[in-house]
N, C-alpha and C. Protein backbone atom coordinates (compact mmCIF):
# COMPACT_ATOMS: atom_id res chain seq x y z
N MET A 1 7.59 135.20 59.13
CA MET A 1 7.18 136.56 58.84
C MET A 1 7.24 137.42 60.11
N LEU A 2 6.79 136.84 61.22
CA LEU A 2 6.83 137.57 62.49
C LEU A 2 8.27 137.90 62.88
N ASN A 3 9.19 136.97 62.59
CA ASN A 3 10.60 137.20 62.88
C ASN A 3 11.12 138.43 62.13
N GLY A 4 10.74 138.58 60.87
CA GLY A 4 11.15 139.74 60.08
C GLY A 4 10.57 141.03 60.62
N ILE A 5 9.31 141.01 61.02
CA ILE A 5 8.67 142.19 61.57
C ILE A 5 9.33 142.61 62.88
N LEU A 6 9.58 141.63 63.75
CA LEU A 6 10.25 141.94 65.02
C LEU A 6 11.65 142.48 64.81
N ALA A 7 12.37 141.94 63.83
CA ALA A 7 13.72 142.43 63.54
C ALA A 7 13.67 143.88 63.07
N ILE A 8 12.70 144.21 62.23
CA ILE A 8 12.56 145.60 61.75
C ILE A 8 12.21 146.52 62.91
N ILE A 9 11.30 146.10 63.77
CA ILE A 9 10.93 146.92 64.94
C ILE A 9 12.14 147.13 65.83
N PHE A 10 12.90 146.06 66.11
CA PHE A 10 14.10 146.20 66.92
C PHE A 10 15.09 147.15 66.26
N GLY A 11 15.27 147.02 64.96
CA GLY A 11 16.19 147.89 64.23
C GLY A 11 15.78 149.35 64.32
N LEU A 12 14.49 149.62 64.19
CA LEU A 12 14.01 151.00 64.29
C LEU A 12 14.22 151.56 65.70
N VAL A 13 13.94 150.75 66.72
CA VAL A 13 14.17 151.19 68.10
C VAL A 13 15.66 151.47 68.31
N ALA A 14 16.52 150.60 67.79
CA ALA A 14 17.97 150.80 67.94
C ALA A 14 18.42 152.08 67.25
N LEU A 15 17.86 152.38 66.07
CA LEU A 15 18.24 153.60 65.35
C LEU A 15 17.69 154.86 66.02
N LEU A 16 16.46 154.79 66.48
CA LEU A 16 15.83 155.98 67.05
C LEU A 16 16.22 156.23 68.50
N PHE A 17 16.48 155.16 69.24
CA PHE A 17 16.79 155.29 70.67
C PHE A 17 18.02 154.44 71.04
N PRO A 18 19.21 154.79 70.52
CA PRO A 18 20.38 153.94 70.80
C PRO A 18 20.74 153.87 72.28
N GLY A 19 20.55 154.96 73.02
CA GLY A 19 20.88 154.95 74.45
C GLY A 19 20.02 153.97 75.22
N ILE A 20 18.73 153.98 74.94
CA ILE A 20 17.81 153.06 75.61
C ILE A 20 18.12 151.61 75.21
N THR A 21 18.47 151.42 73.95
CA THR A 21 18.79 150.08 73.47
C THR A 21 20.03 149.54 74.17
N ILE A 22 21.04 150.38 74.34
CA ILE A 22 22.26 149.97 75.04
C ILE A 22 21.92 149.51 76.45
N ILE A 23 21.17 150.35 77.15
CA ILE A 23 20.79 150.02 78.53
C ILE A 23 19.94 148.76 78.57
N GLY A 24 19.01 148.65 77.63
CA GLY A 24 18.15 147.46 77.58
C GLY A 24 18.93 146.18 77.35
N LEU A 25 19.90 146.22 76.44
CA LEU A 25 20.72 145.03 76.18
C LEU A 25 21.60 144.70 77.39
N ALA A 26 22.14 145.73 78.05
CA ALA A 26 22.97 145.47 79.24
C ALA A 26 22.12 144.88 80.36
N VAL A 27 20.91 145.40 80.56
CA VAL A 27 20.03 144.87 81.60
C VAL A 27 19.62 143.43 81.27
N TYR A 28 19.32 143.17 80.01
CA TYR A 28 18.98 141.81 79.58
C TYR A 28 20.15 140.86 79.87
N PHE A 29 21.37 141.29 79.53
CA PHE A 29 22.57 140.49 79.79
C PHE A 29 22.73 140.25 81.29
N ALA A 30 22.53 141.30 82.11
CA ALA A 30 22.68 141.17 83.56
C ALA A 30 21.64 140.20 84.14
N ILE A 31 20.42 140.30 83.67
CA ILE A 31 19.37 139.41 84.17
C ILE A 31 19.68 137.96 83.80
N THR A 32 20.21 137.75 82.59
CA THR A 32 20.60 136.41 82.18
C THR A 32 21.69 135.85 83.08
N ILE A 33 22.69 136.67 83.38
CA ILE A 33 23.78 136.24 84.28
C ILE A 33 23.24 135.99 85.68
N LEU A 34 22.36 136.85 86.15
CA LEU A 34 21.78 136.70 87.49
C LEU A 34 21.00 135.38 87.60
N ILE A 35 20.19 135.10 86.61
CA ILE A 35 19.42 133.85 86.61
C ILE A 35 20.36 132.64 86.58
N GLY A 36 21.42 132.72 85.77
CA GLY A 36 22.39 131.63 85.72
C GLY A 36 23.08 131.42 87.06
N GLY A 37 23.48 132.52 87.72
CA GLY A 37 24.13 132.41 89.03
C GLY A 37 23.20 131.83 90.08
N LEU A 38 21.97 132.31 90.10
CA LEU A 38 20.99 131.78 91.05
C LEU A 38 20.70 130.31 90.79
N SER A 39 20.60 129.94 89.52
CA SER A 39 20.34 128.54 89.16
C SER A 39 21.47 127.63 89.63
N LEU A 40 22.70 128.09 89.47
CA LEU A 40 23.84 127.29 89.95
C LEU A 40 23.76 127.08 91.46
N ILE A 41 23.49 128.14 92.19
CA ILE A 41 23.43 128.04 93.65
C ILE A 41 22.29 127.13 94.09
N VAL A 42 21.13 127.26 93.46
CA VAL A 42 19.99 126.40 93.80
C VAL A 42 20.33 124.94 93.50
N SER A 43 20.97 124.67 92.36
CA SER A 43 21.30 123.28 92.04
C SER A 43 22.34 122.71 93.01
N ILE A 44 23.23 123.56 93.51
CA ILE A 44 24.21 123.10 94.50
C ILE A 44 23.51 122.75 95.81
N ILE A 45 22.57 123.59 96.22
CA ILE A 45 21.82 123.33 97.45
C ILE A 45 21.02 122.04 97.34
N GLN A 46 20.44 121.78 96.17
CA GLN A 46 19.64 120.58 95.97
C GLN A 46 20.48 119.31 95.98
N ARG A 47 21.72 119.39 95.58
CA ARG A 47 22.58 118.21 95.55
C ARG A 47 23.81 118.39 96.44
N LYS A 48 23.60 118.96 97.61
CA LYS A 48 24.71 119.26 98.50
C LYS A 48 25.41 118.01 99.04
N ASP A 49 24.76 116.88 98.98
CA ASP A 49 25.38 115.65 99.47
C ASP A 49 26.28 115.00 98.42
N SER A 50 26.30 115.56 97.23
CA SER A 50 27.11 115.00 96.15
C SER A 50 28.59 115.19 96.46
N PRO A 51 29.41 114.18 96.15
CA PRO A 51 30.84 114.28 96.46
C PRO A 51 31.62 115.16 95.46
N SER A 52 30.92 115.76 94.50
CA SER A 52 31.62 116.55 93.49
C SER A 52 32.21 117.83 94.09
N LYS A 53 32.95 118.53 93.29
CA LYS A 53 33.58 119.80 93.70
C LYS A 53 32.54 120.93 93.61
N TRP A 54 31.59 120.93 94.52
CA TRP A 54 30.48 121.88 94.52
C TRP A 54 30.93 123.31 94.75
N TYR A 55 32.05 123.51 95.41
CA TYR A 55 32.47 124.86 95.75
C TYR A 55 32.89 125.66 94.51
N TYR A 56 33.33 124.99 93.43
CA TYR A 56 33.63 125.71 92.19
C TYR A 56 32.35 126.27 91.58
N SER A 57 31.31 125.47 91.59
CA SER A 57 30.02 125.94 91.06
C SER A 57 29.45 127.04 91.94
N LEU A 58 29.62 126.91 93.26
CA LEU A 58 29.16 127.95 94.17
C LEU A 58 29.90 129.26 93.89
N LEU A 59 31.20 129.19 93.71
CA LEU A 59 31.98 130.38 93.41
C LEU A 59 31.53 131.00 92.08
N GLU A 60 31.30 130.16 91.08
CA GLU A 60 30.84 130.65 89.78
C GLU A 60 29.48 131.34 89.91
N GLY A 61 28.58 130.75 90.69
CA GLY A 61 27.26 131.35 90.90
C GLY A 61 27.35 132.69 91.62
N VAL A 62 28.16 132.76 92.66
CA VAL A 62 28.32 134.02 93.41
C VAL A 62 28.94 135.10 92.53
N ILE A 63 29.97 134.74 91.77
CA ILE A 63 30.60 135.71 90.87
C ILE A 63 29.60 136.20 89.82
N GLY A 64 28.81 135.28 89.28
CA GLY A 64 27.77 135.67 88.32
C GLY A 64 26.79 136.65 88.91
N ILE A 65 26.35 136.41 90.13
CA ILE A 65 25.41 137.31 90.79
C ILE A 65 26.05 138.68 91.02
N LEU A 66 27.30 138.69 91.46
CA LEU A 66 27.99 139.97 91.69
C LEU A 66 28.17 140.76 90.40
N ILE A 67 28.54 140.08 89.33
CA ILE A 67 28.69 140.76 88.03
C ILE A 67 27.34 141.31 87.57
N ALA A 68 26.29 140.53 87.75
CA ALA A 68 24.95 140.99 87.36
C ALA A 68 24.56 142.24 88.15
N ILE A 69 24.85 142.27 89.44
CA ILE A 69 24.53 143.44 90.26
C ILE A 69 25.33 144.65 89.78
N LEU A 70 26.60 144.45 89.46
CA LEU A 70 27.41 145.56 88.96
C LEU A 70 26.86 146.11 87.64
N ILE A 71 26.47 145.22 86.74
CA ILE A 71 25.92 145.65 85.46
C ILE A 71 24.60 146.37 85.66
N LEU A 72 23.74 145.84 86.53
CA LEU A 72 22.46 146.49 86.79
C LEU A 72 22.63 147.87 87.43
N ALA A 73 23.69 148.03 88.23
CA ALA A 73 23.94 149.32 88.87
C ALA A 73 24.40 150.37 87.86
N ARG A 74 25.18 149.98 86.86
CA ARG A 74 25.72 150.91 85.86
C ARG A 74 25.68 150.28 84.47
N PRO A 75 24.49 150.10 83.88
CA PRO A 75 24.42 149.38 82.61
C PRO A 75 25.16 150.06 81.46
N GLU A 76 25.14 151.38 81.39
CA GLU A 76 25.81 152.05 80.28
C GLU A 76 27.33 151.92 80.41
N SER A 77 27.83 151.99 81.64
CA SER A 77 29.27 151.80 81.85
C SER A 77 29.68 150.37 81.50
N ALA A 78 28.85 149.41 81.85
CA ALA A 78 29.15 148.01 81.52
C ALA A 78 29.19 147.83 80.01
N ALA A 79 28.26 148.45 79.30
CA ALA A 79 28.25 148.35 77.84
C ALA A 79 29.51 148.98 77.26
N ALA A 80 29.92 150.13 77.80
CA ALA A 80 31.14 150.78 77.31
C ALA A 80 32.37 149.91 77.59
N PHE A 81 32.37 149.23 78.73
CA PHE A 81 33.49 148.33 79.06
C PHE A 81 33.59 147.21 78.03
N PHE A 82 32.46 146.59 77.70
CA PHE A 82 32.46 145.51 76.71
C PHE A 82 32.89 146.03 75.34
N VAL A 83 32.45 147.24 75.00
CA VAL A 83 32.85 147.81 73.72
C VAL A 83 34.34 148.12 73.71
N ALA A 84 34.89 148.57 74.83
CA ALA A 84 36.33 148.82 74.91
C ALA A 84 37.10 147.53 74.69
N ILE A 85 36.60 146.42 75.20
CA ILE A 85 37.24 145.12 74.96
C ILE A 85 37.17 144.78 73.46
N MET A 86 36.04 145.11 72.83
CA MET A 86 35.93 144.90 71.39
C MET A 86 36.96 145.75 70.65
N GLY A 87 37.20 146.97 71.14
CA GLY A 87 38.21 147.84 70.54
C GLY A 87 39.60 147.25 70.66
N LEU A 88 39.90 146.71 71.84
CA LEU A 88 41.21 146.05 72.02
C LEU A 88 41.35 144.87 71.07
N TRP A 89 40.26 144.13 70.91
CA TRP A 89 40.29 142.97 70.01
C TRP A 89 40.50 143.43 68.57
N ALA A 90 39.81 144.49 68.15
CA ALA A 90 39.98 145.02 66.79
C ALA A 90 41.42 145.48 66.57
N LEU A 91 41.99 146.11 67.57
CA LEU A 91 43.39 146.56 67.49
C LEU A 91 44.32 145.36 67.34
N PHE A 92 44.11 144.34 68.14
CA PHE A 92 44.93 143.13 68.08
C PHE A 92 44.82 142.46 66.71
N VAL A 93 43.59 142.29 66.22
CA VAL A 93 43.38 141.65 64.93
C VAL A 93 44.03 142.48 63.82
N GLY A 94 43.91 143.79 63.90
CA GLY A 94 44.54 144.66 62.91
C GLY A 94 46.05 144.50 62.89
N LEU A 95 46.64 144.42 64.07
CA LEU A 95 48.09 144.23 64.14
C LEU A 95 48.51 142.88 63.56
N VAL A 96 47.70 141.86 63.80
CA VAL A 96 47.99 140.54 63.22
C VAL A 96 47.92 140.61 61.69
N PHE A 97 46.90 141.27 61.16
CA PHE A 97 46.80 141.42 59.70
C PHE A 97 48.00 142.18 59.14
N LEU A 98 48.40 143.25 59.81
CA LEU A 98 49.55 144.02 59.34
C LEU A 98 50.84 143.19 59.41
N PHE A 99 50.97 142.41 60.47
CA PHE A 99 52.14 141.54 60.59
C PHE A 99 52.19 140.54 59.43
N THR A 100 51.03 139.94 59.12
CA THR A 100 51.02 138.95 58.03
C THR A 100 51.19 139.62 56.67
N TYR A 101 50.84 140.90 56.56
CA TYR A 101 51.06 141.62 55.30
C TYR A 101 52.55 141.68 54.96
N PHE A 102 53.37 141.88 55.98
CA PHE A 102 54.80 142.01 55.75
C PHE A 102 55.52 140.68 55.57
N LYS A 103 54.81 139.57 55.74
CA LYS A 103 55.42 138.27 55.49
C LYS A 103 55.53 138.07 53.98
N LYS A 104 56.58 137.42 53.59
CA LYS A 104 56.80 137.13 52.16
C LYS A 104 56.04 135.88 51.76
N GLY A 105 55.70 135.80 50.49
CA GLY A 105 55.12 134.58 49.95
C GLY A 105 53.60 134.56 49.87
N LEU A 106 52.93 135.61 50.32
CA LEU A 106 51.47 135.64 50.20
C LEU A 106 51.08 136.10 48.80
N PRO A 107 49.99 135.56 48.25
CA PRO A 107 49.52 136.06 46.95
C PRO A 107 49.21 137.56 47.04
N GLU A 108 49.33 138.24 45.92
CA GLU A 108 49.17 139.70 45.91
C GLU A 108 47.81 140.14 46.44
N PHE A 109 46.74 139.47 46.01
CA PHE A 109 45.40 139.85 46.47
C PHE A 109 45.27 139.66 47.98
N VAL A 110 45.76 138.54 48.49
CA VAL A 110 45.68 138.27 49.93
C VAL A 110 46.51 139.29 50.70
N SER A 111 47.67 139.61 50.18
CA SER A 111 48.53 140.60 50.82
C SER A 111 47.85 141.96 50.88
N ALA A 112 47.22 142.38 49.79
CA ALA A 112 46.51 143.66 49.76
C ALA A 112 45.33 143.65 50.73
N PHE A 113 44.62 142.55 50.79
CA PHE A 113 43.51 142.42 51.75
C PHE A 113 44.02 142.57 53.17
N HIS A 114 45.12 141.93 53.49
CA HIS A 114 45.68 142.01 54.85
C HIS A 114 46.07 143.45 55.19
N LEU A 115 46.63 144.16 54.21
CA LEU A 115 47.02 145.54 54.46
C LEU A 115 45.80 146.42 54.74
N VAL A 116 44.80 146.34 53.90
CA VAL A 116 43.60 147.17 54.06
C VAL A 116 42.85 146.80 55.34
N ALA A 117 42.64 145.51 55.55
CA ALA A 117 41.92 145.06 56.75
C ALA A 117 42.69 145.42 58.01
N GLY A 118 44.00 145.30 57.97
CA GLY A 118 44.82 145.64 59.13
C GLY A 118 44.75 147.11 59.48
N ILE A 119 44.88 147.97 58.47
CA ILE A 119 44.81 149.42 58.71
C ILE A 119 43.44 149.81 59.25
N LEU A 120 42.38 149.32 58.60
CA LEU A 120 41.02 149.65 59.06
C LEU A 120 40.77 149.15 60.48
N SER A 121 41.20 147.95 60.76
CA SER A 121 40.97 147.38 62.09
C SER A 121 41.72 148.15 63.17
N VAL A 122 42.96 148.55 62.88
CA VAL A 122 43.73 149.33 63.85
C VAL A 122 43.06 150.69 64.09
N ILE A 123 42.62 151.35 63.03
CA ILE A 123 41.96 152.65 63.17
C ILE A 123 40.68 152.51 63.98
N ILE A 124 39.85 151.54 63.63
CA ILE A 124 38.59 151.33 64.34
C ILE A 124 38.86 150.97 65.80
N GLY A 125 39.85 150.12 66.04
CA GLY A 125 40.20 149.75 67.41
C GLY A 125 40.58 150.97 68.24
N PHE A 126 41.43 151.82 67.68
CA PHE A 126 41.84 153.04 68.39
C PHE A 126 40.64 153.96 68.66
N LEU A 127 39.79 154.13 67.66
CA LEU A 127 38.62 155.00 67.84
C LEU A 127 37.70 154.48 68.94
N ILE A 128 37.50 153.18 68.96
CA ILE A 128 36.65 152.59 70.00
C ILE A 128 37.28 152.75 71.37
N ILE A 129 38.57 152.49 71.48
CA ILE A 129 39.25 152.59 72.77
C ILE A 129 39.26 154.03 73.28
N LEU A 130 39.45 154.99 72.37
CA LEU A 130 39.51 156.39 72.79
C LEU A 130 38.18 156.92 73.31
N ASN A 131 37.07 156.39 72.79
CA ASN A 131 35.77 156.87 73.24
C ASN A 131 34.75 155.73 73.25
N PRO A 132 34.85 154.84 74.25
CA PRO A 132 33.96 153.67 74.25
C PRO A 132 32.49 154.04 74.46
N PHE A 133 32.19 155.14 75.16
CA PHE A 133 30.79 155.49 75.39
C PHE A 133 30.09 155.86 74.07
N GLU A 134 30.73 156.66 73.25
CA GLU A 134 30.13 157.01 71.97
C GLU A 134 30.17 155.83 71.01
N SER A 135 31.19 155.00 71.13
CA SER A 135 31.29 153.83 70.26
C SER A 135 30.14 152.87 70.48
N THR A 136 29.64 152.77 71.72
CA THR A 136 28.50 151.88 71.96
C THR A 136 27.30 152.33 71.15
N ARG A 137 27.09 153.64 71.07
CA ARG A 137 25.97 154.17 70.28
C ARG A 137 26.13 153.85 68.80
N VAL A 138 27.34 154.00 68.28
CA VAL A 138 27.61 153.71 66.87
C VAL A 138 27.37 152.23 66.59
N ILE A 139 27.83 151.38 67.48
CA ILE A 139 27.64 149.94 67.29
C ILE A 139 26.15 149.59 67.33
N ILE A 140 25.40 150.20 68.23
CA ILE A 140 23.96 149.95 68.30
C ILE A 140 23.27 150.41 67.01
N VAL A 141 23.69 151.56 66.47
CA VAL A 141 23.12 152.03 65.20
C VAL A 141 23.43 151.03 64.09
N LEU A 142 24.65 150.52 64.05
CA LEU A 142 25.00 149.52 63.03
C LEU A 142 24.18 148.24 63.21
N ILE A 143 23.97 147.84 64.46
CA ILE A 143 23.12 146.67 64.73
C ILE A 143 21.69 146.96 64.27
N GLY A 144 21.22 148.18 64.49
CA GLY A 144 19.88 148.55 64.04
C GLY A 144 19.73 148.47 62.54
N ILE A 145 20.73 148.97 61.82
CA ILE A 145 20.70 148.91 60.35
C ILE A 145 20.70 147.45 59.90
N TYR A 146 21.53 146.64 60.53
CA TYR A 146 21.57 145.22 60.19
C TYR A 146 20.22 144.56 60.46
N ALA A 147 19.60 144.87 61.60
CA ALA A 147 18.32 144.26 61.96
C ALA A 147 17.24 144.63 60.95
N ILE A 148 17.23 145.88 60.51
CA ILE A 148 16.24 146.30 59.51
C ILE A 148 16.49 145.57 58.19
N ALA A 149 17.75 145.47 57.78
CA ALA A 149 18.06 144.76 56.53
C ALA A 149 17.68 143.29 56.65
N TYR A 150 18.00 142.67 57.79
CA TYR A 150 17.65 141.27 58.01
C TYR A 150 16.13 141.08 58.01
N GLY A 151 15.42 141.96 58.70
CA GLY A 151 13.96 141.86 58.76
C GLY A 151 13.33 142.02 57.39
N THR A 152 13.83 142.99 56.62
CA THR A 152 13.31 143.21 55.27
C THR A 152 13.58 141.99 54.40
N PHE A 153 14.79 141.46 54.47
CA PHE A 153 15.16 140.26 53.71
C PHE A 153 14.25 139.10 54.09
N SER A 154 13.99 138.95 55.39
CA SER A 154 13.12 137.86 55.86
C SER A 154 11.70 138.02 55.33
N LEU A 155 11.19 139.25 55.36
CA LEU A 155 9.83 139.48 54.87
C LEU A 155 9.74 139.23 53.36
N VAL A 156 10.71 139.67 52.60
CA VAL A 156 10.70 139.47 51.16
C VAL A 156 10.79 137.99 50.83
N ASN A 157 11.64 137.26 51.52
CA ASN A 157 11.79 135.83 51.22
C ASN A 157 10.61 135.01 51.75
N THR A 158 9.96 135.46 52.82
CA THR A 158 8.79 134.75 53.33
C THR A 158 7.63 134.87 52.36
N SER A 159 7.49 136.05 51.76
CA SER A 159 6.36 136.24 50.85
C SER A 159 6.52 135.44 49.56
N LYS A 160 7.72 134.98 49.24
CA LYS A 160 7.96 134.21 48.02
C LYS A 160 7.71 132.72 48.22
N ILE A 161 7.55 132.30 49.49
CA ILE A 161 7.35 130.87 49.75
C ILE A 161 5.94 130.46 49.48
């Protein structure tokens, strides 16, 4: 029940304050990467006598710390960068669907699905790539709507148990 309530609260915050939510998620992601990088470096120092390839882990830890610092310095830009990558992925997936639409031998329903999904994915990909900053807000709003629906579903199903 608490899970459903927290999901609804998160969804409302995402809908009412998408900018703050974007920054909050980016900062959370950065802190997670920072802790991971620091943990790697500490574990390397603790087992420095080990004959393993410790320098790969050290490099991974340092890169993680640097990425975390970059994200913490510009969290909204980092979020837009990740969303732009999502846009590129949507564009790629859309092109794959369109390519498979033109292949012969697919059932009619599958072929129609590939056409519609391909066109929608290409359009969404282009829209995201053209304006990743605004796209982050739209994605956060969609996440908020999903969280509210999930929380409501959880509360309704919990009360039936």
